[in-house]
Amino acid sequence: MVISLAAAIPTWLIESVLCKETPIVRVIPNIPSLIGEGMNPYALGKYVTKEQTLFIGKILSIFGKTIHLKEEQMNIATALSAIGPTYFFPAIKAMKDFALSKGMNEEEAVRIISQTISGTAELVKQSKKQPDELKLMIGTRTIDEEVVKNVFTKAIEEAFSKVNFATEKLTT
């Protein structure tokens, strides 16, 4: 079995290069996988057996959560999960820097910010409510939501475009 971490190289391309019926798994881990909290989307090549699929699930669970996707969805998954943390690090830094400038120590600031982010994500996941509905539960608005939406949309589109471009170049 070959487990590929190559972001833009589809399983079928690896299969065609190997010229034999080799099971291929394409995994796109993200940086939180370093601490067992990652999101690790994966796609299976056509020669992967059920037993191997179970094995892959067990291995990937060490690094965090997993989701089995169709190959066609792997480039968008890369833009969301592998590149996704880069969308949040600047916001975390800005929040931390502000807290430090107001006299809070770094450990307290990081603890509050990190829990706020992870708790918010868990609320979205567990409540099954849309973010637009959940935000109404908070009375104060201090951010231009349209600007944030545009910044995130542009970042994800650019990431997807780069990964997709690489895939297209390799397959033509």
C-alpha atoms as a PDB file:
ATOM      1  CA  MET A   1       0.000   0.000   0.000  1.00  0.00           C
ATOM      2  CA  VAL A   2       1.182   3.524  -0.798  1.00  0.00           C
ATOM      3  CA  ILE A   3       0.010   6.382   1.391  1.00  0.00           C
ATOM      4  CA  SER A   4       0.482   9.676  -0.399  1.00  0.00           C
ATOM      5  CA  LEU A   5       0.627  13.066   1.291  1.00  0.00           C
ATOM      6  CA  ALA A   6       1.011  14.828  -2.056  1.00  0.00           C
ATOM      7  CA  ALA A   7      -1.561  17.607  -2.082  1.00  0.00           C
ATOM      8  CA  ALA A   8      -2.272  17.853  -5.794  1.00  0.00           C
ATOM      9  CA  ILE A   9      -1.597  14.342  -7.047  1.00  0.00           C
ATOM     10  CA  PRO A  10      -4.726  12.188  -7.401  1.00  0.00           C
ATOM     11  CA  THR A  11      -4.742   8.487  -6.599  1.00  0.00           C
ATOM     12  CA  TRP A  12      -5.441   7.510 -10.203  1.00  0.00           C
ATOM     13  CA  LEU A  13      -2.279   9.297 -11.353  1.00  0.00           C
ATOM     14  CA  ILE A  14      -0.145   7.438  -8.811  1.00  0.00           C
ATOM     15  CA  GLU A  15      -1.791   4.171  -9.867  1.00  0.00           C
ATOM     16  CA  SER A  16      -0.988   4.862 -13.516  1.00  0.00           C
ATOM     17  CA  VAL A  17       2.666   5.604 -12.757  1.00  0.00           C
ATOM     18  CA  LEU A  18       3.121   2.440 -10.692  1.00  0.00           C
ATOM     19  CA  CYS A  19       1.767   0.255 -13.514  1.00  0.00           C
ATOM     20  CA  LYS A  20       0.499  -2.433 -11.161  1.00  0.00           C
ATOM     21  CA  GLU A  21      -2.486  -2.938  -8.905  1.00  0.00           C
ATOM     22  CA  THR A  22      -1.159  -1.136  -5.841  1.00  0.00           C
ATOM     23  CA  PRO A  23      -3.533   0.159  -3.181  1.00  0.00           C
ATOM     24  CA  ILE A  24      -3.169   3.967  -2.990  1.00  0.00           C
ATOM     25  CA  VAL A  25      -4.457   6.215  -0.218  1.00  0.00           C
ATOM     26  CA  ARG A  26      -4.228   9.978  -0.586  1.00  0.00           C
ATOM     27  CA  VAL A  27      -4.238  11.799   2.761  1.00  0.00           C
ATOM     28  CA  ILE A  28      -4.231  15.533   3.316  1.00  0.00           C
ATOM     29  CA  PRO A  29      -3.244  16.065   6.955  1.00  0.00           C
ATOM     30  CA  ASN A  30      -3.174  19.461   8.591  1.00  0.00           C
ATOM     31  CA  ILE A  31      -0.846  20.974  11.139  1.00  0.00           C
ATOM     32  CA  PRO A  32      -3.018  20.213  14.206  1.00  0.00           C
ATOM     33  CA  SER A  33      -2.266  16.556  13.414  1.00  0.00           C
ATOM     34  CA  LEU A  34       1.050  17.193  15.174  1.00  0.00           C
ATOM     35  CA  ILE A  35      -0.850  17.083  18.473  1.00  0.00           C
ATOM     36  CA  GLY A  36      -3.524  14.534  17.518  1.00  0.00           C
ATOM     37  CA  GLU A  37      -6.149  17.199  16.797  1.00  0.00           C
ATOM     38  CA  GLY A  38      -5.955  17.344  13.015  1.00  0.00           C
ATOM     39  CA  MET A  39      -8.479  16.873  10.279  1.00  0.00           C
ATOM     40  CA  ASN A  40      -7.209  14.300   7.827  1.00  0.00           C
ATOM     41  CA  PRO A  41      -9.346  13.913   4.714  1.00  0.00           C
ATOM     42  CA  TYR A  42      -8.467  10.919   2.586  1.00  0.00           C
ATOM     43  CA  ALA A  43      -9.375   9.330  -0.723  1.00  0.00           C
ATOM     44  CA  LEU A  44      -8.917   5.718  -1.717  1.00  0.00           C
ATOM     45  CA  GLY A  45      -7.556   4.371  -4.950  1.00  0.00           C
ATOM     46  CA  LYS A  46      -9.418   1.621  -6.761  1.00  0.00           C
ATOM     47  CA  TYR A  47      -7.311  -1.234  -5.359  1.00  0.00           C
ATOM     48  CA  VAL A  48      -7.793  -0.543  -1.638  1.00  0.00           C
ATOM     49  CA  THR A  49      -9.600  -3.368   0.175  1.00  0.00           C
ATOM     50  CA  LYS A  50     -12.105  -3.067   3.030  1.00  0.00           C
ATOM     51  CA  GLU A  51      -9.500  -4.370   5.481  1.00  0.00           C
ATOM     52  CA  GLN A  52      -6.982  -1.787   4.305  1.00  0.00           C
ATOM     53  CA  THR A  53      -9.616   0.935   4.621  1.00  0.00           C
ATOM     54  CA  LEU A  54     -10.176  -0.042   8.265  1.00  0.00           C
ATOM     55  CA  PHE A  55      -6.416  -0.049   8.833  1.00  0.00           C
ATOM     56  CA  ILE A  56      -6.089   3.446   7.334  1.00  0.00           C
ATOM     57  CA  GLY A  57      -8.897   4.706   9.572  1.00  0.00           C
ATOM     58  CA  LYS A  58      -7.099   3.395  12.652  1.00  0.00           C
ATOM     59  CA  ILE A  59      -3.770   4.907  11.648  1.00  0.00           C
ATOM     60  CA  LEU A  60      -5.252   8.291  10.799  1.00  0.00           C
ATOM     61  CA  SER A  61      -7.222   8.430  14.052  1.00  0.00           C
ATOM     62  CA  ILE A  62      -3.872   8.832  15.833  1.00  0.00           C
ATOM     63  CA  PHE A  63      -3.555  12.230  14.171  1.00  0.00           C
ATOM     64  CA  GLY A  64      -7.099  13.424  14.883  1.00  0.00           C
ATOM     65  CA  LYS A  65     -10.346  13.217  12.954  1.00  0.00           C
ATOM     66  CA  THR A  66     -10.729  11.733   9.489  1.00  0.00           C
ATOM     67  CA  ILE A  67     -13.186  11.912   6.667  1.00  0.00           C
ATOM     68  CA  HIS A  68     -13.300   9.672   3.609  1.00  0.00           C
ATOM     69  CA  LEU A  69     -13.934  11.726   0.482  1.00  0.00           C
ATOM     70  CA  LYS A  70     -14.181  11.091  -3.210  1.00  0.00           C
ATOM     71  CA  GLU A  71     -10.991  11.950  -5.066  1.00  0.00           C
ATOM     72  CA  GLU A  72     -12.777  14.857  -6.771  1.00  0.00           C
ATOM     73  CA  GLN A  73     -13.257  16.547  -3.373  1.00  0.00           C
ATOM     74  CA  MET A  74      -9.646  16.319  -2.209  1.00  0.00           C
ATOM     75  CA  ASN A  75      -8.498  19.650  -3.645  1.00  0.00           C
ATOM     76  CA  ILE A  76     -11.226  21.592  -1.870  1.00  0.00           C
ATOM     77  CA  ALA A  77     -10.505  19.581   1.297  1.00  0.00           C
ATOM     78  CA  THR A  78      -6.869  20.692   0.958  1.00  0.00           C
ATOM     79  CA  ALA A  79      -7.948  24.335   0.714  1.00  0.00           C
ATOM     80  CA  LEU A  80     -10.164  23.952   3.793  1.00  0.00           C
ATOM     81  CA  SER A  81      -8.142  21.771   6.148  1.00  0.00           C
ATOM     82  CA  ALA A  82      -4.488  21.675   5.146  1.00  0.00           C
ATOM     83  CA  ILE A  83      -4.246  25.374   4.322  1.00  0.00           C
ATOM     84  CA  GLY A  84      -7.122  26.347   6.635  1.00  0.00           C
ATOM     85  CA  PRO A  85      -5.071  26.884   9.794  1.00  0.00           C
ATOM     86  CA  THR A  86      -3.264  29.761   8.060  1.00  0.00           C
ATOM     87  CA  TYR A  87      -6.599  31.582   7.927  1.00  0.00           C
ATOM     88  CA  PHE A  88      -6.902  31.522  11.723  1.00  0.00           C
ATOM     89  CA  PHE A  89      -3.346  32.123  12.938  1.00  0.00           C
ATOM     90  CA  PRO A  90      -3.383  35.874  12.106  1.00  0.00           C
ATOM     91  CA  ALA A  91      -6.681  36.329  13.987  1.00  0.00           C
ATOM     92  CA  ILE A  92      -5.305  34.449  16.992  1.00  0.00           C
ATOM     93  CA  LYS A  93      -2.145  36.571  16.929  1.00  0.00           C
ATOM     94  CA  ALA A  94      -4.132  39.818  16.729  1.00  0.00           C
ATOM     95  CA  MET A  95      -6.344  38.792  19.645  1.00  0.00           C
ATOM     96  CA  LYS A  96      -3.357  37.709  21.724  1.00  0.00           C
ATOM     97  CA  ASP A  97      -1.344  40.850  20.956  1.00  0.00           C
ATOM     98  CA  PHE A  98      -4.283  43.018  21.986  1.00  0.00           C
ATOM     99  CA  ALA A  99      -4.768  41.104  25.242  1.00  0.00           C
ATOM    100  CA  LEU A 100      -1.053  41.443  26.019  1.00  0.00           C
ATOM    101  CA  SER A 101      -1.191  45.185  25.305  1.00  0.00           C
ATOM    102  CA  LYS A 102      -3.952  45.448  27.933  1.00  0.00           C
ATOM    103  CA  GLY A 103      -1.873  43.684  30.583  1.00  0.00           C
ATOM    104  CA  MET A 104      -3.042  40.095  30.313  1.00  0.00           C
ATOM    105  CA  ASN A 105      -0.280  37.522  30.423  1.00  0.00           C
ATOM    106  CA  GLU A 106       0.311  35.310  27.403  1.00  0.00           C
ATOM    107  CA  GLU A 107      -0.735  32.052  29.040  1.00  0.00           C
ATOM    108  CA  GLU A 108      -4.110  33.477  30.090  1.00  0.00           C
ATOM    109  CA  ALA A 109      -4.693  35.089  26.696  1.00  0.00           C
ATOM    110  CA  VAL A 110      -3.836  31.940  24.757  1.00  0.00           C
ATOM    111  CA  ARG A 111      -6.029  29.837  27.026  1.00  0.00           C
ATOM    112  CA  ILE A 112      -9.039  32.130  26.604  1.00  0.00           C
ATOM    113  CA  ILE A 113      -8.606  32.548  22.848  1.00  0.00           C
ATOM    114  CA  SER A 114      -7.980  28.853  22.188  1.00  0.00           C
ATOM    115  CA  GLN A 115     -10.989  27.715  24.191  1.00  0.00           C
ATOM    116  CA  THR A 116     -13.174  30.376  22.609  1.00  0.00           C
ATOM    117  CA  ILE A 117     -12.224  29.136  19.143  1.00  0.00           C
ATOM    118  CA  SER A 118     -12.507  25.423  19.899  1.00  0.00           C
ATOM    119  CA  GLY A 119     -15.742  25.943  21.845  1.00  0.00           C
ATOM    120  CA  THR A 120     -17.240  27.955  19.002  1.00  0.00           C
ATOM    121  CA  ALA A 121     -16.314  25.250  16.511  1.00  0.00           C
ATOM    122  CA  GLU A 122     -17.817  22.579  18.756  1.00  0.00           C
ATOM    123  CA  LEU A 123     -21.012  24.635  19.133  1.00  0.00           C
ATOM    124  CA  VAL A 124     -21.386  24.876  15.359  1.00  0.00           C
ATOM    125  CA  LYS A 125     -20.825  21.132  15.053  1.00  0.00           C
ATOM    126  CA  GLN A 126     -23.102  20.011  17.877  1.00  0.00           C
ATOM    127  CA  SER A 127     -25.949  22.518  17.699  1.00  0.00           C
ATOM    128  CA  LYS A 128     -26.649  21.854  14.003  1.00  0.00           C
ATOM    129  CA  LYS A 129     -27.548  25.562  13.769  1.00  0.00           C
ATOM    130  CA  GLN A 130     -26.242  27.824  11.054  1.00  0.00           C
ATOM    131  CA  PRO A 131     -23.533  30.345  12.038  1.00  0.00           C
ATOM    132  CA  ASP A 132     -25.902  33.199  11.085  1.00  0.00           C
ATOM    133  CA  GLU A 133     -28.388  31.917  13.661  1.00  0.00           C
ATOM    134  CA  LEU A 134     -25.785  31.357  16.369  1.00  0.00           C
ATOM    135  CA  LYS A 135     -24.289  34.840  16.029  1.00  0.00           C
ATOM    136  CA  LEU A 136     -27.682  36.308  16.976  1.00  0.00           C
ATOM    137  CA  MET A 137     -27.194  34.804  20.439  1.00  0.00           C
ATOM    138  CA  ILE A 138     -24.401  37.354  21.033  1.00  0.00           C
ATOM    139  CA  GLY A 139     -25.562  40.931  21.451  1.00  0.00           C
ATOM    140  CA  THR A 140     -22.461  42.840  20.372  1.00  0.00           C
ATOM    141  CA  ARG A 141     -21.071  43.092  16.842  1.00  0.00           C
ATOM    142  CA  THR A 142     -17.621  44.599  16.342  1.00  0.00           C
ATOM    143  CA  ILE A 143     -16.485  43.167  13.045  1.00  0.00           C
ATOM    144  CA  ASP A 144     -17.487  43.878   9.482  1.00  0.00           C
ATOM    145  CA  GLU A 145     -18.838  40.455   8.603  1.00  0.00           C
ATOM    146  CA  GLU A 146     -18.893  41.161   4.866  1.00  0.00           C
ATOM    147  CA  VAL A 147     -15.173  42.015   4.948  1.00  0.00           C
ATOM    148  CA  VAL A 148     -14.401  38.826   6.900  1.00  0.00           C
ATOM    149  CA  LYS A 149     -16.510  36.764   4.487  1.00  0.00           C
ATOM    150  CA  ASN A 150     -14.693  38.280   1.510  1.00  0.00           C
ATOM    151  CA  VAL A 151     -11.251  37.742   3.055  1.00  0.00           C
ATOM    152  CA  PHE A 152     -11.970  34.080   3.838  1.00  0.00           C
ATOM    153  CA  THR A 153     -13.653  33.425   0.500  1.00  0.00           C
ATOM    154  CA  LYS A 154     -10.733  34.939  -1.382  1.00  0.00           C
ATOM    155  CA  ALA A 155      -8.209  32.939   0.662  1.00  0.00           C
ATOM    156  CA  ILE A 156     -10.037  29.643   0.120  1.00  0.00           C
ATOM    157  CA  GLU A 157     -10.562  30.355  -3.584  1.00  0.00           C
ATOM    158  CA  GLU A 158      -6.859  31.138  -3.979  1.00  0.00           C
ATOM    159  CA  ALA A 159      -5.798  27.996  -2.115  1.00  0.00           C
ATOM    160  CA  PHE A 160      -8.188  25.851  -4.136  1.00  0.00           C
ATOM    161  CA  SER A 161      -7.032  27.473  -7.359  1.00  0.00           C
ATOM    162  CA  LYS A 162      -3.367  26.748  -6.601  1.00  0.00           C
ATOM    163  CA  VAL A 163      -3.988  23.113  -5.680  1.00  0.00           C
ATOM    164  CA  ASN A 164      -6.331  22.607  -8.615  1.00  0.00           C
ATOM    165  CA  PHE A 165      -3.877  24.265 -11.010  1.00  0.00           C
ATOM    166  CA  ALA A 166      -1.141  21.883  -9.859  1.00  0.00           C
ATOM    167  CA  THR A 167      -3.440  18.894 -10.340  1.00  0.00           C
ATOM    168  CA  GLU A 168      -4.416  20.061 -13.838  1.00  0.00           C
ATOM    169  CA  LYS A 169      -0.776  20.629 -14.806  1.00  0.00           C
ATOM    170  CA  LEU A 170       0.160  17.133 -13.678  1.00  0.00           C
ATOM    171  CA  THR A 171      -2.720  15.494 -15.477  1.00  0.00           C
ATOM    172  CA  THR A 172      -2.354  17.191 -18.860  1.00  0.00           C
END
